[in-house]
């Protein structure tokens, strides 16, 4: 392990566009290094009908840059009314140019109003040669 970072904080309700739903951990990466990202967020609903249509991915961006998703993602996740579930993903990110990046759990929902009972999120990042 060359570098490591972690972050914890309040989960962020999904929107219709893909955006962070966890806190983002910041790490500096040299050209050619790989990054192992593991992220979890507790998301739930107090709404009648619960939370629906949640899509999640691991995501990253250069600080101040455009968000990029990793892998195929997980789609159509749901939670019943008055429940909260922990959603998570892991990925290895590689072939990054040198820079300082933010990593975390990102997602979207076509019905974001249902995701209104959210709790904490955690992100761990290991930078490897």
Protein backbone atom coordinates (compact mmCIF):
# COMPACT_ATOMS: atom_id res chain seq x y z
CA UNK A 1 0.00 0.00 0.00
CA UNK A 2 1.47 3.31 -1.09
CA UNK A 3 -1.29 5.56 0.20
CA UNK A 4 -4.61 5.11 2.01
CA UNK A 5 -7.60 7.30 2.72
CA UNK A 6 -10.98 6.94 4.35
CA UNK A 7 -14.02 9.08 4.99
CA UNK A 8 -17.27 8.79 6.90
CA UNK A 9 -20.29 11.04 7.07
CA UNK A 10 -23.93 11.41 6.26
CA UNK A 11 -25.25 9.53 3.23
CA UNK A 12 -26.60 11.74 0.46
CA UNK A 13 -30.05 11.16 -1.03
CA UNK A 14 -29.90 10.10 -4.67
CA UNK A 15 -31.09 12.40 -7.44
CA UNK A 16 -32.18 11.63 -11.00
CA UNK A 17 -28.64 12.28 -12.25
CA UNK A 18 -25.67 10.18 -11.18
CA UNK A 19 -23.98 11.87 -8.22
CA UNK A 20 -22.28 10.90 -4.94
CA UNK A 21 -24.56 9.13 -2.43
CA UNK A 22 -21.73 8.61 0.07
CA UNK A 23 -19.06 10.90 1.37
CA UNK A 24 -16.05 10.96 -0.93
CA UNK A 25 -12.55 9.96 0.20
CA UNK A 26 -9.66 11.95 -1.30
CA UNK A 27 -6.38 10.31 -2.35
CA UNK A 28 -3.39 11.32 -4.47
CA UNK A 29 -2.51 8.86 -7.23
CA UNK A 30 0.69 8.62 -9.29
CA UNK A 31 0.55 7.50 -12.93
CA UNK A 32 0.30 3.71 -13.17
CA UNK A 33 -1.00 3.12 -9.66
CA UNK A 34 -4.16 1.13 -8.97
CA UNK A 35 -6.80 2.13 -6.44
CA UNK A 36 -8.99 -0.27 -4.44
CA UNK A 37 -12.23 1.47 -3.40
CA UNK A 38 -14.82 0.06 -0.99
CA UNK A 39 -17.86 2.18 -0.15
CA UNK A 40 -21.11 1.68 1.77
CA UNK A 41 -24.11 3.91 2.46
CA UNK A 42 -27.20 3.34 4.59
CA UNK A 43 -30.17 4.55 2.55
CA UNK A 44 -33.84 4.20 3.40
CA UNK A 45 -37.34 5.48 3.09
CA UNK A 46 -40.12 6.82 5.29
CA UNK A 47 -42.31 7.39 2.21
CA UNK A 48 -45.40 5.38 1.33
CA UNK A 49 -44.23 2.88 -1.29
CA UNK A 50 -40.63 3.05 -0.04
CA UNK A 51 -37.55 3.85 -2.07
CA UNK A 52 -37.33 2.45 -5.60
CA UNK A 53 -35.25 2.43 -8.76
CA UNK A 54 -31.86 3.01 -7.10
CA UNK A 55 -28.80 2.39 -9.27
CA UNK A 56 -25.35 2.37 -7.64
CA UNK A 57 -21.71 2.30 -8.76
CA UNK A 58 -18.25 3.07 -7.47
CA UNK A 59 -17.34 6.48 -8.83
CA UNK A 60 -14.37 8.80 -8.94
CA UNK A 61 -13.34 12.19 -10.22
CA UNK A 62 -10.34 14.46 -10.23
CA UNK A 63 -10.99 17.02 -7.50
CA UNK A 64 -13.26 19.53 -9.23
CA UNK A 65 -13.66 17.27 -12.27
CA UNK A 66 -16.34 15.16 -13.95
CA UNK A 67 -17.72 12.08 -12.17
CA UNK A 68 -16.84 8.72 -13.76
CA UNK A 69 -18.52 5.41 -12.85
CA UNK A 70 -16.70 2.07 -12.64
CA UNK A 71 -18.18 -1.21 -13.86
CA UNK A 72 -21.72 -2.08 -14.77
CA UNK A 73 -23.35 -1.02 -11.53
CA UNK A 74 -26.26 -2.52 -9.61
CA UNK A 75 -29.74 -1.52 -10.77
CA UNK A 76 -33.32 -1.32 -9.54
CA UNK A 77 -32.55 -1.50 -5.82
CA UNK A 78 -35.49 -0.97 -3.46
CA UNK A 79 -36.29 -0.57 0.21
CA UNK A 80 -39.74 -0.83 1.86
CA UNK A 81 -41.30 2.09 3.76
CA UNK A 82 -39.80 2.67 7.23
CA UNK A 83 -36.67 0.62 6.53
CA UNK A 84 -33.06 1.42 5.81
CA UNK A 85 -30.59 -0.89 4.02
CA UNK A 86 -26.83 -0.75 3.64
CA UNK A 87 -25.79 -0.68 0.01
CA UNK A 88 -22.17 -1.06 -1.03
CA UNK A 89 -19.72 -1.82 -3.78
CA UNK A 90 -16.00 -2.33 -4.36
CA UNK A 91 -13.86 -1.78 -7.43
CA UNK A 92 -10.27 -1.52 -8.57
CA UNK A 93 -9.64 1.65 -10.58
CA UNK A 94 -6.57 1.70 -12.83
CA UNK A 95 -4.96 3.61 -15.71
CA UNK A 96 -5.51 6.96 -14.00
CA UNK A 97 -3.35 9.96 -14.82
CA UNK A 98 -1.47 11.36 -11.84
CA UNK A 99 -3.62 13.62 -9.69
CA UNK A 100 -5.73 14.04 -6.59
CA UNK A 101 -9.03 12.17 -6.82
CA UNK A 102 -12.26 11.74 -4.90
CA UNK A 103 -13.68 8.18 -4.65
CA UNK A 104 -16.99 6.90 -3.30
CA UNK A 105 -20.39 5.33 -3.83
CA UNK A 106 -22.41 7.12 -6.51
CA UNK A 107 -25.85 6.55 -7.90
CA UNK A 108 -29.20 7.80 -9.15
CA UNK A 109 -32.91 7.04 -8.90
CA UNK A 110 -35.77 7.81 -11.26
CA UNK A 111 -37.87 8.25 -8.08
CA UNK A 112 -35.53 10.12 -5.70
CA UNK A 113 -38.25 11.44 -3.37
CA UNK A 114 -38.66 7.95 -1.90
CA UNK A 115 -35.09 7.93 -0.58
CA UNK A 116 -35.66 10.21 2.40
CA UNK A 117 -34.41 8.25 5.46
CA UNK A 118 -30.64 8.08 5.05
CA UNK A 119 -27.90 7.50 7.62
CA UNK A 120 -24.08 7.19 7.48
CA UNK A 121 -21.68 6.27 4.73
CA UNK A 122 -18.12 4.96 4.79
CA UNK A 123 -15.43 4.87 2.10
CA UNK A 124 -11.99 3.22 2.20
CA UNK A 125 -9.33 3.73 -0.47
CA UNK A 126 -6.01 1.89 -0.89
CA UNK A 127 -3.56 3.16 -3.52
CA UNK A 128 -1.30 0.36 -4.79
CA UNK A 129 1.66 0.11 -7.18
